[in-house]
Amino acid sequence: MNAHPIALHREEIPTLTALRAAIEAVDTAIVHAIGERLALARQVGRMKAEAAQPITDPAREAAVVARAARLAQTVGVPDEDIRALYWRLIACSRRAQLDSQLNSQLDTSPTRLLVDGRD
């Protein structure tokens, strides 16, 4: 007969706790990587503004998603899940680019200069 379910659960707690801690460490790394990605996207947004290029670049965005899907396959992650995740990351990156362009315009506009006293 099997061991009592509560006894099994108690035996699994350290393993479950360790796995959850490992997942939290991975989650922390993911969030930091997303922050880094968005910082780079803001730089791209400023460069695009200087070059009078649009924020959206459908061909580039599709290539980024396709590359991520190929990488997903190499590590056994469902590529459709990665595609969905990357389209969301691209939406965040577009917003970061737009925000950087708007902030750049505000920082140099005469109205902004008068409001905060910068010359």
N, C-alpha and C. Protein backbone atom coordinates (compact mmCIF):
# COMPACT_ATOMS: atom_id res chain seq x y z
N MET A 1 0.84 -1.18 0.00
CA MET A 1 0.00 0.00 0.00
C MET A 1 0.88 1.24 0.00
N ASN A 2 0.40 2.32 -0.63
CA ASN A 2 1.17 3.56 -0.73
C ASN A 2 1.30 4.26 0.62
N ALA A 3 2.33 5.07 0.74
CA ALA A 3 2.51 5.85 1.96
C ALA A 3 1.39 6.86 2.09
N HIS A 4 1.19 7.32 3.29
CA HIS A 4 0.15 8.30 3.56
C HIS A 4 0.42 9.57 2.73
N PRO A 5 -0.62 10.14 2.08
CA PRO A 5 -0.42 11.32 1.23
C PRO A 5 0.25 12.48 1.93
N ILE A 6 -0.06 12.69 3.22
CA ILE A 6 0.55 13.79 3.94
C ILE A 6 2.05 13.56 4.10
N ALA A 7 2.45 12.33 4.35
CA ALA A 7 3.87 12.02 4.48
C ALA A 7 4.59 12.29 3.15
N LEU A 8 3.97 11.90 2.05
CA LEU A 8 4.59 12.17 0.75
C LEU A 8 4.71 13.67 0.53
N HIS A 9 3.68 14.40 0.89
CA HIS A 9 3.70 15.85 0.70
C HIS A 9 4.82 16.48 1.51
N ARG A 10 5.00 16.04 2.73
CA ARG A 10 6.07 16.57 3.57
C ARG A 10 7.44 16.29 2.96
N GLU A 11 7.59 15.12 2.37
CA GLU A 11 8.87 14.78 1.73
C GLU A 11 9.13 15.65 0.51
N GLU A 12 8.09 16.07 -0.16
CA GLU A 12 8.24 16.86 -1.37
C GLU A 12 8.45 18.34 -1.10
N ILE A 13 8.13 18.82 0.08
CA ILE A 13 8.21 20.25 0.36
C ILE A 13 9.60 20.83 0.11
N PRO A 14 10.68 20.23 0.62
CA PRO A 14 11.99 20.82 0.34
C PRO A 14 12.29 20.87 -1.17
N THR A 15 11.93 19.83 -1.89
CA THR A 15 12.16 19.82 -3.32
C THR A 15 11.30 20.87 -4.01
N LEU A 16 10.04 20.95 -3.63
CA LEU A 16 9.14 21.95 -4.19
C LEU A 16 9.63 23.36 -3.86
N THR A 17 10.05 23.56 -2.63
CA THR A 17 10.57 24.86 -2.22
C THR A 17 11.81 25.23 -3.02
N ALA A 18 12.70 24.27 -3.19
CA ALA A 18 13.92 24.53 -3.96
C ALA A 18 13.59 24.84 -5.42
N LEU A 19 12.65 24.09 -5.98
CA LEU A 19 12.26 24.36 -7.37
C LEU A 19 11.62 25.72 -7.52
N ARG A 20 10.78 26.08 -6.57
CA ARG A 20 10.16 27.40 -6.62
C ARG A 20 11.19 28.51 -6.49
N ALA A 21 12.18 28.31 -5.65
CA ALA A 21 13.25 29.29 -5.51
C ALA A 21 14.03 29.42 -6.81
N ALA A 22 14.28 28.29 -7.47
CA ALA A 22 14.98 28.32 -8.75
C ALA A 22 14.15 29.05 -9.80
N ILE A 23 12.84 28.82 -9.79
CA ILE A 23 11.96 29.52 -10.73
C ILE A 23 11.98 31.02 -10.45
N GLU A 24 11.96 31.39 -9.19
CA GLU A 24 12.02 32.81 -8.84
C GLU A 24 13.32 33.45 -9.33
N ALA A 25 14.42 32.71 -9.23
CA ALA A 25 15.70 33.23 -9.73
C ALA A 25 15.64 33.43 -11.24
N VAL A 26 15.05 32.47 -11.94
CA VAL A 26 14.90 32.60 -13.39
C VAL A 26 13.98 33.78 -13.71
N ASP A 27 12.89 33.92 -12.96
CA ASP A 27 11.97 35.04 -13.17
C ASP A 27 12.68 36.38 -12.97
N THR A 28 13.52 36.45 -11.96
CA THR A 28 14.29 37.68 -11.72
C THR A 28 15.18 37.99 -12.92
N ALA A 29 15.85 36.97 -13.43
CA ALA A 29 16.71 37.16 -14.60
C ALA A 29 15.90 37.59 -15.82
N ILE A 30 14.72 37.01 -15.98
CA ILE A 30 13.86 37.38 -17.11
C ILE A 30 13.45 38.84 -17.01
N VAL A 31 13.02 39.27 -15.84
CA VAL A 31 12.59 40.66 -15.66
C VAL A 31 13.75 41.61 -15.91
N HIS A 32 14.93 41.27 -15.42
CA HIS A 32 16.11 42.11 -15.67
C HIS A 32 16.43 42.16 -17.17
N ALA A 33 16.32 41.01 -17.85
CA ALA A 33 16.57 40.97 -19.29
C ALA A 33 15.54 41.81 -20.04
N ILE A 34 14.29 41.78 -19.61
CA ILE A 34 13.26 42.61 -20.25
C ILE A 34 13.57 44.08 -20.02
N GLY A 35 13.99 44.42 -18.81
CA GLY A 35 14.38 45.81 -18.54
C GLY A 35 15.51 46.26 -19.43
N GLU A 36 16.50 45.39 -19.62
CA GLU A 36 17.62 45.70 -20.51
C GLU A 36 17.14 45.85 -21.95
N ARG A 37 16.24 44.96 -22.36
CA ARG A 37 15.70 45.01 -23.73
C ARG A 37 14.96 46.33 -23.96
N LEU A 38 14.17 46.75 -22.97
CA LEU A 38 13.42 47.99 -23.11
C LEU A 38 14.33 49.22 -23.10
N ALA A 39 15.40 49.17 -22.33
CA ALA A 39 16.38 50.27 -22.34
C ALA A 39 17.00 50.39 -23.74
N LEU A 40 17.33 49.25 -24.33
CA LEU A 40 17.85 49.27 -25.70
C LEU A 40 16.81 49.76 -26.68
N ALA A 41 15.56 49.37 -26.48
CA ALA A 41 14.48 49.83 -27.36
C ALA A 41 14.32 51.35 -27.28
N ARG A 42 14.48 51.92 -26.09
CA ARG A 42 14.41 53.38 -25.96
C ARG A 42 15.53 54.05 -26.76
N GLN A 43 16.72 53.46 -26.73
CA GLN A 43 17.82 54.00 -27.53
C GLN A 43 17.50 53.91 -29.01
N VAL A 44 16.94 52.77 -29.42
CA VAL A 44 16.54 52.59 -30.81
C VAL A 44 15.50 53.65 -31.19
N GLY A 45 14.56 53.90 -30.30
CA GLY A 45 13.53 54.91 -30.56
C GLY A 45 14.12 56.29 -30.79
N ARG A 46 15.10 56.65 -29.99
CA ARG A 46 15.75 57.96 -30.19
C ARG A 46 16.50 58.00 -31.52
N MET A 47 17.16 56.90 -31.86
CA MET A 47 17.88 56.86 -33.15
C MET A 47 16.91 56.93 -34.32
N LYS A 48 15.79 56.23 -34.20
CA LYS A 48 14.79 56.27 -35.26
C LYS A 48 14.23 57.68 -35.42
N ALA A 49 14.02 58.37 -34.30
CA ALA A 49 13.51 59.74 -34.36
C ALA A 49 14.50 60.65 -35.08
N GLU A 50 15.79 60.50 -34.73
CA GLU A 50 16.82 61.32 -35.38
C GLU A 50 16.91 61.05 -36.87
N ALA A 51 16.65 59.80 -37.27
CA ALA A 51 16.72 59.41 -38.67
C ALA A 51 15.36 59.53 -39.37
N ALA A 52 14.35 60.04 -38.66
CA ALA A 52 12.99 60.19 -39.19
C ALA A 52 12.43 58.86 -39.70
N GLN A 53 12.70 57.79 -38.95
CA GLN A 53 12.18 56.47 -39.28
C GLN A 53 10.97 56.17 -38.40
N PRO A 54 10.03 55.39 -38.91
CA PRO A 54 8.86 55.05 -38.10
C PRO A 54 9.24 54.08 -36.98
N ILE A 55 8.44 54.08 -35.94
CA ILE A 55 8.68 53.17 -34.82
C ILE A 55 8.48 51.73 -35.26
N THR A 56 7.41 51.47 -35.98
CA THR A 56 7.13 50.09 -36.39
C THR A 56 7.96 49.72 -37.61
N ASP A 57 8.42 48.49 -37.60
CA ASP A 57 9.18 47.92 -38.72
C ASP A 57 8.71 46.46 -38.84
N PRO A 58 7.57 46.26 -39.53
CA PRO A 58 6.96 44.92 -39.56
C PRO A 58 7.91 43.81 -40.00
N ALA A 59 8.76 44.06 -40.97
CA ALA A 59 9.68 43.01 -41.44
C ALA A 59 10.68 42.65 -40.34
N ARG A 60 11.23 43.63 -39.67
CA ARG A 60 12.19 43.38 -38.59
C ARG A 60 11.50 42.68 -37.43
N GLU A 61 10.30 43.13 -37.08
CA GLU A 61 9.57 42.52 -35.97
C GLU A 61 9.27 41.05 -36.26
N ALA A 62 8.85 40.75 -37.49
CA ALA A 62 8.56 39.36 -37.86
C ALA A 62 9.83 38.52 -37.81
N ALA A 63 10.96 39.11 -38.21
CA ALA A 63 12.23 38.38 -38.17
C ALA A 63 12.64 38.08 -36.72
N VAL A 64 12.41 39.02 -35.82
CA VAL A 64 12.74 38.82 -34.41
C VAL A 64 11.89 37.69 -33.83
N VAL A 65 10.60 37.68 -34.15
CA VAL A 65 9.70 36.64 -33.65
C VAL A 65 10.09 35.28 -34.22
N ALA A 66 10.40 35.25 -35.51
CA ALA A 66 10.79 33.98 -36.14
C ALA A 66 12.08 33.44 -35.53
N ARG A 67 13.04 34.32 -35.27
CA ARG A 67 14.30 33.89 -34.64
C ARG A 67 14.04 33.31 -33.25
N ALA A 68 13.20 33.99 -32.48
CA ALA A 68 12.88 33.50 -31.13
C ALA A 68 12.19 32.14 -31.21
N ALA A 69 11.32 31.95 -32.20
CA ALA A 69 10.63 30.66 -32.36
C ALA A 69 11.62 29.55 -32.70
N ARG A 70 12.59 29.87 -33.53
CA ARG A 70 13.63 28.86 -33.86
C ARG A 70 14.45 28.52 -32.62
N LEU A 71 14.81 29.52 -31.85
CA LEU A 71 15.55 29.28 -30.60
C LEU A 71 14.73 28.43 -29.64
N ALA A 72 13.45 28.70 -29.58
CA ALA A 72 12.57 27.93 -28.70
C ALA A 72 12.60 26.45 -29.06
N GLN A 73 12.56 26.16 -30.33
CA GLN A 73 12.58 24.77 -30.78
C GLN A 73 13.86 24.07 -30.37
N THR A 74 14.97 24.80 -30.34
CA THR A 74 16.25 24.17 -29.99
C THR A 74 16.34 23.79 -28.52
N VAL A 75 15.50 24.42 -27.68
CA VAL A 75 15.53 24.09 -26.25
C VAL A 75 14.26 23.39 -25.80
N GLY A 76 13.43 22.98 -26.75
CA GLY A 76 12.24 22.22 -26.42
C GLY A 76 11.10 23.03 -25.84
N VAL A 77 11.05 24.30 -26.15
CA VAL A 77 9.96 25.16 -25.69
C VAL A 77 8.98 25.32 -26.86
N PRO A 78 7.68 25.25 -26.59
CA PRO A 78 6.70 25.40 -27.68
C PRO A 78 6.87 26.74 -28.40
N ASP A 79 7.13 26.66 -29.70
CA ASP A 79 7.42 27.89 -30.44
C ASP A 79 6.22 28.84 -30.49
N GLU A 80 5.00 28.32 -30.47
CA GLU A 80 3.82 29.20 -30.49
C GLU A 80 3.74 30.04 -29.22
N ASP A 81 4.12 29.45 -28.09
CA ASP A 81 4.14 30.22 -26.84
C ASP A 81 5.17 31.34 -26.91
N ILE A 82 6.32 31.02 -27.46
CA ILE A 82 7.38 32.03 -27.60
C ILE A 82 6.98 33.11 -28.59
N ARG A 83 6.32 32.71 -29.67
CA ARG A 83 5.84 33.71 -30.64
C ARG A 83 4.90 34.70 -29.94
N ALA A 84 3.95 34.19 -29.17
CA ALA A 84 3.00 35.06 -28.47
C ALA A 84 3.73 35.97 -27.48
N LEU A 85 4.67 35.41 -26.76
CA LEU A 85 5.44 36.19 -25.80
C LEU A 85 6.24 37.29 -26.50
N TYR A 86 6.86 36.94 -27.61
CA TYR A 86 7.68 37.93 -28.32
C TYR A 86 6.85 39.02 -28.97
N TRP A 87 5.66 38.70 -29.44
CA TRP A 87 4.80 39.77 -29.97
C TRP A 87 4.45 40.74 -28.85
N ARG A 88 4.28 40.22 -27.64
CA ARG A 88 4.00 41.10 -26.50
C ARG A 88 5.23 41.94 -26.16
N LEU A 89 6.41 41.32 -26.21
CA LEU A 89 7.65 42.08 -25.98
C LEU A 89 7.83 43.18 -27.02
N ILE A 90 7.48 42.87 -28.25
CA ILE A 90 7.59 43.87 -29.31
C ILE A 90 6.64 45.03 -29.05
N ALA A 91 5.43 44.73 -28.58
CA ALA A 91 4.49 45.79 -28.22
C ALA A 91 5.07 46.67 -27.12
N CYS A 92 5.69 46.06 -26.13
CA CYS A 92 6.34 46.82 -25.05
C CYS A 92 7.49 47.66 -25.60
N SER A 93 8.24 47.09 -26.53
CA SER A 93 9.37 47.80 -27.13
C SER A 93 8.89 48.99 -27.96
N ARG A 94 7.81 48.80 -28.70
CA ARG A 94 7.24 49.92 -29.47
C ARG A 94 6.86 51.06 -28.53
N ARG A 95 6.20 50.70 -27.42
CA ARG A 95 5.78 51.71 -26.45
C ARG A 95 7.01 52.41 -25.85
N ALA A 96 8.06 51.65 -25.55
CA ALA A 96 9.29 52.25 -25.00
C ALA A 96 9.92 53.20 -26.02
N GLN A 97 9.90 52.81 -27.29
CA GLN A 97 10.44 53.68 -28.33
C GLN A 97 9.63 54.97 -28.44
N LEU A 98 8.32 54.83 -28.43
CA LEU A 98 7.45 56.01 -28.51
C LEU A 98 7.66 56.91 -27.30
N ASP A 99 7.70 56.31 -26.12
CA ASP A 99 7.93 57.09 -24.90
C ASP A 99 9.25 57.84 -24.96
N SER A 100 10.29 57.18 -25.47
CA SER A 100 11.59 57.84 -25.53
C SER A 100 11.55 59.01 -26.51
N GLN A 101 10.81 58.85 -27.60
CA GLN A 101 10.69 59.94 -28.56
C GLN A 101 9.89 61.10 -27.97
N LEU A 102 8.81 60.78 -27.29
CA LEU A 102 8.00 61.83 -26.67
C LEU A 102 8.77 62.55 -25.58
N ASN A 103 9.48 61.78 -24.75
CA ASN A 103 10.28 62.39 -23.69
C ASN A 103 11.40 63.25 -24.26
N SER A 104 11.98 62.81 -25.34
CA SER A 104 13.04 63.58 -25.99
C SER A 104 12.48 64.90 -26.51
N GLN A 105 11.30 64.85 -27.09
CA GLN A 105 10.67 66.07 -27.59
C GLN A 105 10.31 67.00 -26.44
N LEU A 106 9.81 66.45 -25.34
CA LEU A 106 9.46 67.27 -24.19
C LEU A 106 10.68 67.91 -23.56
N ASP A 107 11.77 67.18 -23.49
CA ASP A 107 12.98 67.69 -22.85
C ASP A 107 13.59 68.85 -23.62
N THR A 108 13.31 68.96 -24.91
CA THR A 108 13.91 70.02 -25.70
C THR A 108 12.91 71.06 -26.16
N SER A 109 11.64 70.91 -25.81
CA SER A 109 10.65 71.88 -26.25
C SER A 109 10.74 73.15 -25.41
N PRO A 110 10.47 74.30 -26.02
CA PRO A 110 10.53 75.55 -25.25
C PRO A 110 9.59 75.55 -24.05
N THR A 111 8.42 74.95 -24.20
CA THR A 111 7.48 74.88 -23.07
C THR A 111 8.09 74.12 -21.91
N ARG A 112 8.73 73.00 -22.19
CA ARG A 112 9.36 72.19 -21.14
C ARG A 112 10.49 72.98 -20.48
N LEU A 113 11.25 73.71 -21.27
CA LEU A 113 12.36 74.46 -20.72
C LEU A 113 11.86 75.54 -19.76
N LEU A 114 10.74 76.16 -20.09
CA LEU A 114 10.20 77.18 -19.21
C LEU A 114 9.61 76.59 -17.93
N VAL A 115 9.00 75.43 -18.03
CA VAL A 115 8.36 74.83 -16.89
C VAL A 115 9.36 74.41 -15.83
N ASP A 116 10.45 73.77 -16.23
CA ASP A 116 11.36 73.27 -15.21
C ASP A 116 12.60 74.15 -15.03
N GLY A 117 12.67 75.27 -15.74
CA GLY A 117 13.74 76.21 -15.53
C GLY A 117 15.07 75.89 -16.17
N ARG A 118 15.12 74.84 -16.97
CA ARG A 118 16.39 74.50 -17.64
C ARG A 118 16.59 75.40 -18.85
N ASP A 119 17.82 75.68 -19.16
CA ASP A 119 18.15 76.44 -20.37
C ASP A 119 18.64 75.53 -21.46
